[in-house]
Each structure stands twice: as structure tokens, then as C-alpha cells.
Amino acid sequence: SYVSEFGTRHYPQELVEKGLTGSLELDIAIDRKGNIRSAKIHRSSGNSTIDRAAVRVAMAAGPYAPLPEEMAREIDILHIVRTWEFNNNTLISRPGE
């Protein structure tokens, strides 16, 4: 996925330096035009450094593609909740658990 590729290319150096790995659920709110309105922790990794890094990566990855016209007529803000796993310089993003 785009997020996994972006997050791996921009893997947080702070996590590498500290040897931190972990997973969390992140809620990203996107408006009709694809702009990120917010990125919030839905379920913490248990480590604030990992959580903050995930929010920074999510915000840096935007903007996303605009919502399809038929969705944009019905939705003001789209919330996407996914599990993010930081491990060995790789970010994996998958559907929330």
C-alpha cells in the first residue's frame, strides 16, 4: 500500500536508533479533497515515541487522492482506521484489528 511504502521510505530514524518496534491502530481523518484533517492514536503501541512517530509519518504522507465523486456527495470526513506495525526499518499498514 502507499502508506506502507511511504512509511518504509521515511522510516523514523529515532525508532532505529532506539531499537524500538511495535504496532498501533491509527485513525486518519481525510476530507473530500484528500487533505488530512487529523491523525490520532486509536490503540496505542504502549510506547509514546512509536505513537508520535506514526502520527508524524501519517501527516507527512498526505495529501491523498480526493474522494470519488459519489463518496464526496455523502461524506464530509472519511475516517480510516488501520493497524501500523513498525519493525526492522519497515512499516506495514493493514486493516484494523
PDB file of N, CA and C in Angstrom:
ATOM      1  N   SER A   1       0.843  -1.191   0.000  1.00  0.00           N
ATOM      2  CA  SER A   1       0.000   0.000   0.000  1.00  0.00           C
ATOM      3  C   SER A   1       0.882   1.247   0.000  1.00  0.00           C
ATOM      4  N   TYR A   2       0.288   2.360  -0.413  1.00  0.00           N
ATOM      5  CA  TYR A   2       1.014   3.630  -0.453  1.00  0.00           C
ATOM      6  C   TYR A   2       1.585   3.971   0.924  1.00  0.00           C
ATOM      7  N   VAL A   3       0.786   3.816   1.962  1.00  0.00           N
ATOM      8  CA  VAL A   3       1.239   4.182   3.309  1.00  0.00           C
ATOM      9  C   VAL A   3       2.416   3.314   3.734  1.00  0.00           C
ATOM     10  N   SER A   4       2.350   2.016   3.482  1.00  0.00           N
ATOM     11  CA  SER A   4       3.460   1.128   3.836  1.00  0.00           C
ATOM     12  C   SER A   4       4.737   1.525   3.094  1.00  0.00           C
ATOM     13  N   GLU A   5       4.609   1.814   1.799  1.00  0.00           N
ATOM     14  CA  GLU A   5       5.777   2.216   1.010  1.00  0.00           C
ATOM     15  C   GLU A   5       6.344   3.551   1.493  1.00  0.00           C
ATOM     16  N   PHE A   6       5.465   4.528   1.710  1.00  0.00           N
ATOM     17  CA  PHE A   6       5.896   5.840   2.187  1.00  0.00           C
ATOM     18  C   PHE A   6       6.558   5.712   3.557  1.00  0.00           C
ATOM     19  N   GLY A   7       5.903   4.987   4.461  1.00  0.00           N
ATOM     20  CA  GLY A   7       6.428   4.832   5.810  1.00  0.00           C
ATOM     21  C   GLY A   7       7.750   4.091   5.868  1.00  0.00           C
ATOM     22  N   THR A   8       7.947   3.143   4.975  1.00  0.00           N
ATOM     23  CA  THR A   8       9.216   2.423   4.931  1.00  0.00           C
ATOM     24  C   THR A   8      10.311   3.336   4.378  1.00  0.00           C
ATOM     25  N   ARG A   9       9.995   4.101   3.320  1.00  0.00           N
ATOM     26  CA  ARG A   9      10.978   5.045   2.770  1.00  0.00           C
ATOM     27  C   ARG A   9      11.350   6.126   3.776  1.00  0.00           C
ATOM     28  N   HIS A  10      10.401   6.526   4.611  1.00  0.00           N
ATOM     29  CA  HIS A  10      10.617   7.594   5.593  1.00  0.00           C
ATOM     30  C   HIS A  10      10.572   7.031   7.017  1.00  0.00           C
ATOM     31  N   TYR A  11      11.135   5.836   7.174  1.00  0.00           N
ATOM     32  CA  TYR A  11      11.092   5.164   8.475  1.00  0.00           C
ATOM     33  C   TYR A  11      11.738   6.065   9.529  1.00  0.00           C
ATOM     34  N   PRO A  12      11.081   6.262  10.649  1.00  0.00           N
ATOM     35  CA  PRO A  12      11.598   7.182  11.680  1.00  0.00           C
ATOM     36  C   PRO A  12      12.962   6.737  12.224  1.00  0.00           C
ATOM     37  N   GLN A  13      13.973   7.569  11.982  1.00  0.00           N
ATOM     38  CA  GLN A  13      15.329   7.264  12.425  1.00  0.00           C
ATOM     39  C   GLN A  13      15.385   7.087  13.947  1.00  0.00           C
ATOM     40  N   GLU A  14      14.558   7.817  14.648  1.00  0.00           N
ATOM     41  CA  GLU A  14      14.504   7.726  16.108  1.00  0.00           C
ATOM     42  C   GLU A  14      14.181   6.295  16.558  1.00  0.00           C
ATOM     43  N   LEU A  15      13.297   5.607  15.825  1.00  0.00           N
ATOM     44  CA  LEU A  15      12.955   4.232  16.185  1.00  0.00           C
ATOM     45  C   LEU A  15      14.134   3.300  15.926  1.00  0.00           C
ATOM     46  N   VAL A  16      14.867   3.538  14.827  1.00  0.00           N
ATOM     47  CA  VAL A  16      16.042   2.729  14.508  1.00  0.00           C
ATOM     48  C   VAL A  16      17.092   2.908  15.596  1.00  0.00           C
ATOM     49  N   GLU A  17      17.383   4.160  15.921  1.00  0.00           N
ATOM     50  CA  GLU A  17      18.422   4.463  16.908  1.00  0.00           C
ATOM     51  C   GLU A  17      18.124   3.861  18.277  1.00  0.00           C
ATOM     52  N   LYS A  18      16.852   3.841  18.650  1.00  0.00           N
ATOM     53  CA  LYS A  18      16.463   3.327  19.965  1.00  0.00           C
ATOM     54  C   LYS A  18      16.088   1.848  19.925  1.00  0.00           C
ATOM     55  N   GLY A  19      16.104   1.245  18.725  1.00  0.00           N
ATOM     56  CA  GLY A  19      15.750  -0.168  18.592  1.00  0.00           C
ATOM     57  C   GLY A  19      14.303  -0.454  18.940  1.00  0.00           C
ATOM     58  N   LEU A  20      13.418   0.501  18.651  1.00  0.00           N
ATOM     59  CA  LEU A  20      12.009   0.354  19.017  1.00  0.00           C
ATOM     60  C   LEU A  20      11.202  -0.284  17.895  1.00  0.00           C
ATOM     61  N   THR A  21      10.343  -1.215  18.251  1.00  0.00           N
ATOM     62  CA  THR A  21       9.396  -1.817  17.328  1.00  0.00           C
ATOM     63  C   THR A  21       8.047  -1.894  18.039  1.00  0.00           C
ATOM     64  N   GLY A  22       6.983  -1.977  17.260  1.00  0.00           N
ATOM     65  CA  GLY A  22       5.668  -2.108  17.873  1.00  0.00           C
ATOM     66  C   GLY A  22       4.572  -1.838  16.878  1.00  0.00           C
ATOM     67  N   SER A  23       3.338  -2.077  17.312  1.00  0.00           N
ATOM     68  CA  SER A  23       2.189  -1.826  16.448  1.00  0.00           C
ATOM     69  C   SER A  23       1.138  -1.035  17.205  1.00  0.00           C
ATOM     70  N   LEU A  24       0.309  -0.335  16.440  1.00  0.00           N
ATOM     71  CA  LEU A  24      -0.734   0.515  16.994  1.00  0.00           C
ATOM     72  C   LEU A  24      -1.837   0.634  15.963  1.00  0.00           C
ATOM     73  N   GLU A  25      -2.981   1.135  16.391  1.00  0.00           N
ATOM     74  CA  GLU A  25      -4.053   1.459  15.458  1.00  0.00           C
ATOM     75  C   GLU A  25      -4.138   2.969  15.354  1.00  0.00           C
ATOM     76  N   LEU A  26      -4.154   3.438  14.116  1.00  0.00           N
ATOM     77  CA  LEU A  26      -4.163   4.870  13.847  1.00  0.00           C
ATOM     78  C   LEU A  26      -5.435   5.225  13.091  1.00  0.00           C
ATOM     79  N   ASP A  27      -6.095   6.304  13.504  1.00  0.00           N
ATOM     80  CA  ASP A  27      -7.304   6.820  12.857  1.00  0.00           C
ATOM     81  C   ASP A  27      -6.900   8.072  12.089  1.00  0.00           C
ATOM     82  N   ILE A  28      -6.972   7.998  10.755  1.00  0.00           N
ATOM     83  CA  ILE A  28      -6.647   9.143   9.916  1.00  0.00           C
ATOM     84  C   ILE A  28      -7.943   9.681   9.338  1.00  0.00           C
ATOM     85  N   ALA A  29      -8.169  10.976   9.523  1.00  0.00           N
ATOM     86  CA  ALA A  29      -9.367  11.643   9.003  1.00  0.00           C
ATOM     87  C   ALA A  29      -8.978  12.429   7.752  1.00  0.00           C
ATOM     88  N   ILE A  30      -9.671  12.135   6.643  1.00  0.00           N
ATOM     89  CA  ILE A  30      -9.373  12.752   5.354  1.00  0.00           C
ATOM     90  C   ILE A  30     -10.624  13.470   4.856  1.00  0.00           C
ATOM     91  N   ASP A  31     -10.441  14.713   4.372  1.00  0.00           N
ATOM     92  CA  ASP A  31     -11.595  15.427   3.829  1.00  0.00           C
ATOM     93  C   ASP A  31     -11.827  15.044   2.369  1.00  0.00           C
ATOM     94  N   ARG A  32     -12.856  15.602   1.783  1.00  0.00           N
ATOM     95  CA  ARG A  32     -13.253  15.260   0.408  1.00  0.00           C
ATOM     96  C   ARG A  32     -12.137  15.459  -0.606  1.00  0.00           C
ATOM     97  N   LYS A  33     -11.280  16.448  -0.349  1.00  0.00           N
ATOM     98  CA  LYS A  33     -10.206  16.777  -1.293  1.00  0.00           C
ATOM     99  C   LYS A  33      -8.949  15.935  -1.077  1.00  0.00           C
ATOM    100  N   GLY A  34      -8.966  15.073  -0.043  1.00  0.00           N
ATOM    101  CA  GLY A  34      -7.820  14.217   0.238  1.00  0.00           C
ATOM    102  C   GLY A  34      -6.864  14.794   1.262  1.00  0.00           C
ATOM    103  N   ASN A  35      -7.200  15.945   1.809  1.00  0.00           N
ATOM    104  CA  ASN A  35      -6.350  16.555   2.833  1.00  0.00           C
ATOM    105  C   ASN A  35      -6.524  15.849   4.169  1.00  0.00           C
ATOM    106  N   ILE A  36      -5.441  15.654   4.862  1.00  0.00           N
ATOM    107  CA  ILE A  36      -5.513  15.028   6.189  1.00  0.00           C
ATOM    108  C   ILE A  36      -5.966  16.078   7.183  1.00  0.00           C
ATOM    109  N   ARG A  37      -7.055  15.792   7.864  1.00  0.00           N
ATOM    110  CA  ARG A  37      -7.579  16.700   8.886  1.00  0.00           C
ATOM    111  C   ARG A  37      -7.011  16.363  10.251  1.00  0.00           C
ATOM    112  N   SER A  38      -6.765  15.052  10.493  1.00  0.00           N
ATOM    113  CA  SER A  38      -6.170  14.639  11.766  1.00  0.00           C
ATOM    114  C   SER A  38      -5.635  13.226  11.646  1.00  0.00           C
ATOM    115  N   ALA A  39      -4.721  12.912  12.538  1.00  0.00           N
ATOM    116  CA  ALA A  39      -4.202  11.541  12.691  1.00  0.00           C
ATOM    117  C   ALA A  39      -4.107  11.317  14.189  1.00  0.00           C
ATOM    118  N   LYS A  40      -4.895  10.364  14.678  1.00  0.00           N
ATOM    119  CA  LYS A  40      -4.974  10.130  16.125  1.00  0.00           C
ATOM    120  C   LYS A  40      -4.777   8.650  16.426  1.00  0.00           C
ATOM    121  N   ILE A  41      -4.193   8.410  17.573  1.00  0.00           N
ATOM    122  CA  ILE A  41      -3.983   7.039  18.030  1.00  0.00           C
ATOM    123  C   ILE A  41      -5.328   6.463  18.458  1.00  0.00           C
ATOM    124  N   HIS A  42      -5.704   5.352  17.862  1.00  0.00           N
ATOM    125  CA  HIS A  42      -6.939   4.645  18.210  1.00  0.00           C
ATOM    126  C   HIS A  42      -6.635   3.590  19.267  1.00  0.00           C
ATOM    127  N   ARG A  43      -5.496   2.911  19.127  1.00  0.00           N
ATOM    128  CA  ARG A  43      -4.987   1.953  20.125  1.00  0.00           C
ATOM    129  C   ARG A  43      -3.481   2.134  20.166  1.00  0.00           C
ATOM    130  N   SER A  44      -2.968   2.488  21.319  1.00  0.00           N
ATOM    131  CA  SER A  44      -1.546   2.795  21.477  1.00  0.00           C
ATOM    132  C   SER A  44      -0.663   1.556  21.344  1.00  0.00           C
ATOM    133  N   SER A  45       0.567   1.805  20.928  1.00  0.00           N
ATOM    134  CA  SER A  45       1.586   0.748  20.904  1.00  0.00           C
ATOM    135  C   SER A  45       2.089   0.462  22.307  1.00  0.00           C
ATOM    136  N   GLY A  46       1.783   1.377  23.224  1.00  0.00           N
ATOM    137  CA  GLY A  46       2.326   1.279  24.577  1.00  0.00           C
ATOM    138  C   GLY A  46       3.619   2.064  24.725  1.00  0.00           C
ATOM    139  N   ASN A  47       4.076   2.680  23.620  1.00  0.00           N
ATOM    140  CA  ASN A  47       5.300   3.465  23.649  1.00  0.00           C
ATOM    141  C   ASN A  47       5.015   4.795  22.960  1.00  0.00           C
ATOM    142  N   SER A  48       5.134   5.891  23.704  1.00  0.00           N
ATOM    143  CA  SER A  48       4.776   7.201  23.151  1.00  0.00           C
ATOM    144  C   SER A  48       5.685   7.614  21.997  1.00  0.00           C
ATOM    145  N   THR A  49       6.919   7.170  21.974  1.00  0.00           N
ATOM    146  CA  THR A  49       7.824   7.504  20.870  1.00  0.00           C
ATOM    147  C   THR A  49       7.318   6.885  19.571  1.00  0.00           C
ATOM    148  N   ILE A  50       6.900   5.629  19.606  1.00  0.00           N
ATOM    149  CA  ILE A  50       6.351   4.955  18.427  1.00  0.00           C
ATOM    150  C   ILE A  50       5.045   5.631  18.002  1.00  0.00           C
ATOM    151  N   ASP A  51       4.185   5.928  18.964  1.00  0.00           N
ATOM    152  CA  ASP A  51       2.904   6.567  18.653  1.00  0.00           C
ATOM    153  C   ASP A  51       3.116   7.921  17.972  1.00  0.00           C
ATOM    154  N   ARG A  52       4.007   8.741  18.510  1.00  0.00           N
ATOM    155  CA  ARG A  52       4.277  10.061  17.918  1.00  0.00           C
ATOM    156  C   ARG A  52       4.871   9.916  16.510  1.00  0.00           C
ATOM    157  N   ALA A  53       5.745   8.937  16.327  1.00  0.00           N
ATOM    158  CA  ALA A  53       6.355   8.712  15.011  1.00  0.00           C
ATOM    159  C   ALA A  53       5.288   8.337  13.991  1.00  0.00           C
ATOM    160  N   ALA A  54       4.326   7.521  14.382  1.00  0.00           N
ATOM    161  CA  ALA A  54       3.254   7.117  13.468  1.00  0.00           C
ATOM    162  C   ALA A  54       2.434   8.323  13.029  1.00  0.00           C
ATOM    163  N   VAL A  55       2.102   9.191  13.955  1.00  0.00           N
ATOM    164  CA  VAL A  55       1.325  10.385  13.621  1.00  0.00           C
ATOM    165  C   VAL A  55       2.130  11.274  12.667  1.00  0.00           C
ATOM    166  N   ARG A  56       3.423  11.437  12.915  1.00  0.00           N
ATOM    167  CA  ARG A  56       4.266  12.256  12.021  1.00  0.00           C
ATOM    168  C   ARG A  56       4.303  11.668  10.607  1.00  0.00           C
ATOM    169  N   VAL A  57       4.478  10.352  10.492  1.00  0.00           N
ATOM    170  CA  VAL A  57       4.514   9.706   9.173  1.00  0.00           C
ATOM    171  C   VAL A  57       3.169   9.881   8.469  1.00  0.00           C
ATOM    172  N   ALA A  58       2.082   9.674   9.190  1.00  0.00           N
ATOM    173  CA  ALA A  58       0.742   9.800   8.596  1.00  0.00           C
ATOM    174  C   ALA A  58       0.511  11.210   8.059  1.00  0.00           C
ATOM    175  N   MET A  59       0.877  12.221   8.825  1.00  0.00           N
ATOM    176  CA  MET A  59       0.665  13.599   8.408  1.00  0.00           C
ATOM    177  C   MET A  59       1.555  13.938   7.214  1.00  0.00           C
ATOM    178  N   ALA A  60       2.764  13.423   7.187  1.00  0.00           N
ATOM    179  CA  ALA A  60       3.694  13.705   6.090  1.00  0.00           C
ATOM    180  C   ALA A  60       3.279  13.021   4.797  1.00  0.00           C
ATOM    181  N   ALA A  61       2.522  11.932   4.874  1.00  0.00           N
ATOM    182  CA  ALA A  61       2.133  11.160   3.688  1.00  0.00           C
ATOM    183  C   ALA A  61       1.051  11.847   2.860  1.00  0.00           C
ATOM    184  N   GLY A  62       0.375  12.834   3.423  1.00  0.00           N
ATOM    185  CA  GLY A  62      -0.705  13.491   2.706  1.00  0.00           C
ATOM    186  C   GLY A  62      -0.194  14.546   1.746  1.00  0.00           C
ATOM    187  N   PRO A  63      -1.051  15.107   0.934  1.00  0.00           N
ATOM    188  CA  PRO A  63      -2.462  14.746   0.834  1.00  0.00           C
ATOM    189  C   PRO A  63      -2.661  13.470   0.016  1.00  0.00           C
ATOM    190  N   TYR A  64      -3.786  12.847   0.243  1.00  0.00           N
ATOM    191  CA  TYR A  64      -4.170  11.656  -0.505  1.00  0.00           C
ATOM    192  C   TYR A  64      -5.039  12.070  -1.691  1.00  0.00           C
ATOM    193  N   ALA A  65      -5.397  11.121  -2.515  1.00  0.00           N
ATOM    194  CA  ALA A  65      -6.276  11.408  -3.649  1.00  0.00           C
ATOM    195  C   ALA A  65      -7.640  11.868  -3.132  1.00  0.00           C
ATOM    196  N   PRO A  66      -8.280  12.775  -3.864  1.00  0.00           N
ATOM    197  CA  PRO A  66      -9.634  13.193  -3.466  1.00  0.00           C
ATOM    198  C   PRO A  66     -10.572  11.992  -3.444  1.00  0.00           C
ATOM    199  N   LEU A  67     -11.618  12.094  -2.631  1.00  0.00           N
ATOM    200  CA  LEU A  67     -12.618  11.034  -2.590  1.00  0.00           C
ATOM    201  C   LEU A  67     -13.343  10.973  -3.930  1.00  0.00           C
ATOM    202  N   PRO A  68     -13.735   9.774  -4.349  1.00  0.00           N
ATOM    203  CA  PRO A  68     -14.539   9.666  -5.573  1.00  0.00           C
ATOM    204  C   PRO A  68     -15.800  10.517  -5.441  1.00  0.00           C
ATOM    205  N   GLU A  69     -16.271  11.050  -6.551  1.00  0.00           N
ATOM    206  CA  GLU A  69     -17.395  11.984  -6.547  1.00  0.00           C
ATOM    207  C   GLU A  69     -18.613  11.451  -5.797  1.00  0.00           C
ATOM    208  N   GLU A  70     -18.954  10.174  -6.028  1.00  0.00           N
ATOM    209  CA  GLU A  70     -20.142   9.624  -5.360  1.00  0.00           C
ATOM    210  C   GLU A  70     -19.956   9.548  -3.849  1.00  0.00           C
ATOM    211  N   MET A  71     -18.731   9.294  -3.373  1.00  0.00           N
ATOM    212  CA  MET A  71     -18.459   9.298  -1.924  1.00  0.00           C
ATOM    213  C   MET A  71     -18.483  10.719  -1.386  1.00  0.00           C
ATOM    214  N   ALA A  72     -17.907  11.644  -2.141  1.00  0.00           N
ATOM    215  CA  ALA A  72     -17.805  13.036  -1.688  1.00  0.00           C
ATOM    216  C   ALA A  72     -19.181  13.669  -1.483  1.00  0.00           C
ATOM    217  N   ARG A  73     -20.171  13.193  -2.224  1.00  0.00           N
ATOM    218  CA  ARG A  73     -21.529  13.727  -2.037  1.00  0.00           C
ATOM    219  C   ARG A  73     -22.107  13.328  -0.680  1.00  0.00           C
ATOM    220  N   GLU A  74     -21.653  12.202  -0.149  1.00  0.00           N
ATOM    221  CA  GLU A  74     -22.220  11.652   1.087  1.00  0.00           C
ATOM    222  C   GLU A  74     -21.336  11.849   2.316  1.00  0.00           C
ATOM    223  N   ILE A  75     -20.051  12.101   2.103  1.00  0.00           N
ATOM    224  CA  ILE A  75     -19.094  12.103   3.213  1.00  0.00           C
ATOM    225  C   ILE A  75     -18.354  13.430   3.287  1.00  0.00           C
ATOM    226  N   ASP A  76     -18.338  14.033   4.476  1.00  0.00           N
ATOM    227  CA  ASP A  76     -17.544  15.244   4.694  1.00  0.00           C
ATOM    228  C   ASP A  76     -16.114  14.875   5.086  1.00  0.00           C
ATOM    229  N   ILE A  77     -16.004  13.956   6.043  1.00  0.00           N
ATOM    230  CA  ILE A  77     -14.707  13.498   6.535  1.00  0.00           C
ATOM    231  C   ILE A  77     -14.736  11.974   6.562  1.00  0.00           C
ATOM    232  N   LEU A  78     -13.732  11.349   5.960  1.00  0.00           N
ATOM    233  CA  LEU A  78     -13.612   9.897   5.958  1.00  0.00           C
ATOM    234  C   LEU A  78     -12.565   9.495   6.990  1.00  0.00           C
ATOM    235  N   HIS A  79     -12.943   8.627   7.931  1.00  0.00           N
ATOM    236  CA  HIS A  79     -12.005   8.110   8.930  1.00  0.00           C
ATOM    237  C   HIS A  79     -11.553   6.723   8.500  1.00  0.00           C
ATOM    238  N   ILE A  80     -10.252   6.545   8.446  1.00  0.00           N
ATOM    239  CA  ILE A  80      -9.670   5.257   8.092  1.00  0.00           C
ATOM    240  C   ILE A  80      -8.861   4.791   9.293  1.00  0.00           C
ATOM    241  N   VAL A  81      -9.227   3.636   9.850  1.00  0.00           N
ATOM    242  CA  VAL A  81      -8.520   3.078  10.996  1.00  0.00           C
ATOM    243  C   VAL A  81      -7.761   1.851  10.509  1.00  0.00           C
ATOM    244  N   ARG A  82      -6.443   1.894  10.691  1.00  0.00           N
ATOM    245  CA  ARG A  82      -5.596   0.783  10.257  1.00  0.00           C
ATOM    246  C   ARG A  82      -4.569   0.491  11.339  1.00  0.00           C
ATOM    247  N   THR A  83      -4.109  -0.757  11.335  1.00  0.00           N
ATOM    248  CA  THR A  83      -3.016  -1.147  12.221  1.00  0.00           C
ATOM    249  C   THR A  83      -1.711  -0.817  11.522  1.00  0.00           C
ATOM    250  N   TRP A  84      -0.826  -0.158  12.221  1.00  0.00           N
ATOM    251  CA  TRP A  84       0.510   0.164  11.717  1.00  0.00           C
ATOM    252  C   TRP A  84       1.519  -0.604  12.550  1.00  0.00           C
ATOM    253  N   GLU A  85       2.423  -1.301  11.878  1.00  0.00           N
ATOM    254  CA  GLU A  85       3.467  -2.056  12.564  1.00  0.00           C
ATOM    255  C   GLU A  85       4.833  -1.563  12.107  1.00  0.00           C
ATOM    256  N   PHE A  86       5.607  -1.075  13.066  1.00  0.00           N
ATOM    257  CA  PHE A  86       6.978  -0.649  12.819  1.00  0.00           C
ATOM    258  C   PHE A  86       7.895  -1.771  13.266  1.00  0.00           C
ATOM    259  N   ASN A  87       8.708  -2.298  12.327  1.00  0.00           N
ATOM    260  CA  ASN A  87       9.575  -3.414  12.663  1.00  0.00           C
ATOM    261  C   ASN A  87      10.701  -3.513  11.630  1.00  0.00           C
ATOM    262  N   ASN A  88      11.944  -3.513  12.103  1.00  0.00           N
ATOM    263  CA  ASN A  88      13.113  -3.711  11.225  1.00  0.00           C
ATOM    264  C   ASN A  88      13.117  -2.778  10.025  1.00  0.00           C
ATOM    265  N   ASN A  89      12.960  -1.477  10.267  1.00  0.00           N
ATOM    266  CA  ASN A  89      13.003  -0.452   9.220  1.00  0.00           C
ATOM    267  C   ASN A  89      11.891  -0.601   8.183  1.00  0.00           C
ATOM    268  N   THR A  90      10.822  -1.277   8.535  1.00  0.00           N
ATOM    269  CA  THR A  90       9.695  -1.478   7.630  1.00  0.00           C
ATOM    270  C   THR A  90       8.403  -1.086   8.344  1.00  0.00           C
ATOM    271  N   LEU A  91       7.539  -0.376   7.619  1.00  0.00           N
ATOM    272  CA  LEU A  91       6.211  -0.075   8.124  1.00  0.00           C
ATOM    273  C   LEU A  91       5.220  -0.939   7.353  1.00  0.00           C
ATOM    274  N   ILE A  92       4.394  -1.646   8.071  1.00  0.00           N
ATOM    275  CA  ILE A  92       3.315  -2.428   7.466  1.00  0.00           C
ATOM    276  C   ILE A  92       2.012  -1.832   7.956  1.00  0.00           C
ATOM    277  N   SER A  93       1.132  -1.509   7.014  1.00  0.00           N
ATOM    278  CA  SER A  93      -0.187  -0.972   7.332  1.00  0.00           C
ATOM    279  C   SER A  93      -1.215  -1.974   6.836  1.00  0.00           C
ATOM    280  N   ARG A  94      -2.137  -2.361   7.729  1.00  0.00           N
ATOM    281  CA  ARG A  94      -3.162  -3.335   7.361  1.00  0.00           C
ATOM    282  C   ARG A  94      -4.473  -2.949   8.049  1.00  0.00           C
ATOM    283  N   PRO A  95      -5.595  -3.538   7.632  1.00  0.00           N
ATOM    284  CA  PRO A  95      -6.869  -3.203   8.264  1.00  0.00           C
ATOM    285  C   PRO A  95      -6.804  -3.346   9.783  1.00  0.00           C
ATOM    286  N   GLY A  96      -7.553  -2.496  10.470  1.00  0.00           N
ATOM    287  CA  GLY A  96      -7.601  -2.530  11.936  1.00  0.00           C
ATOM    288  C   GLY A  96      -8.054  -3.876  12.442  1.00  0.00           C
ATOM    289  N   GLU A  97      -7.618  -4.188  13.649  1.00  0.00           N
ATOM    290  CA  GLU A  97      -7.939  -5.496  14.238  1.00  0.00           C
ATOM    291  C   GLU A  97      -9.207  -5.454  15.041  1.00  0.00           C
TER     292      GLU A  97
END
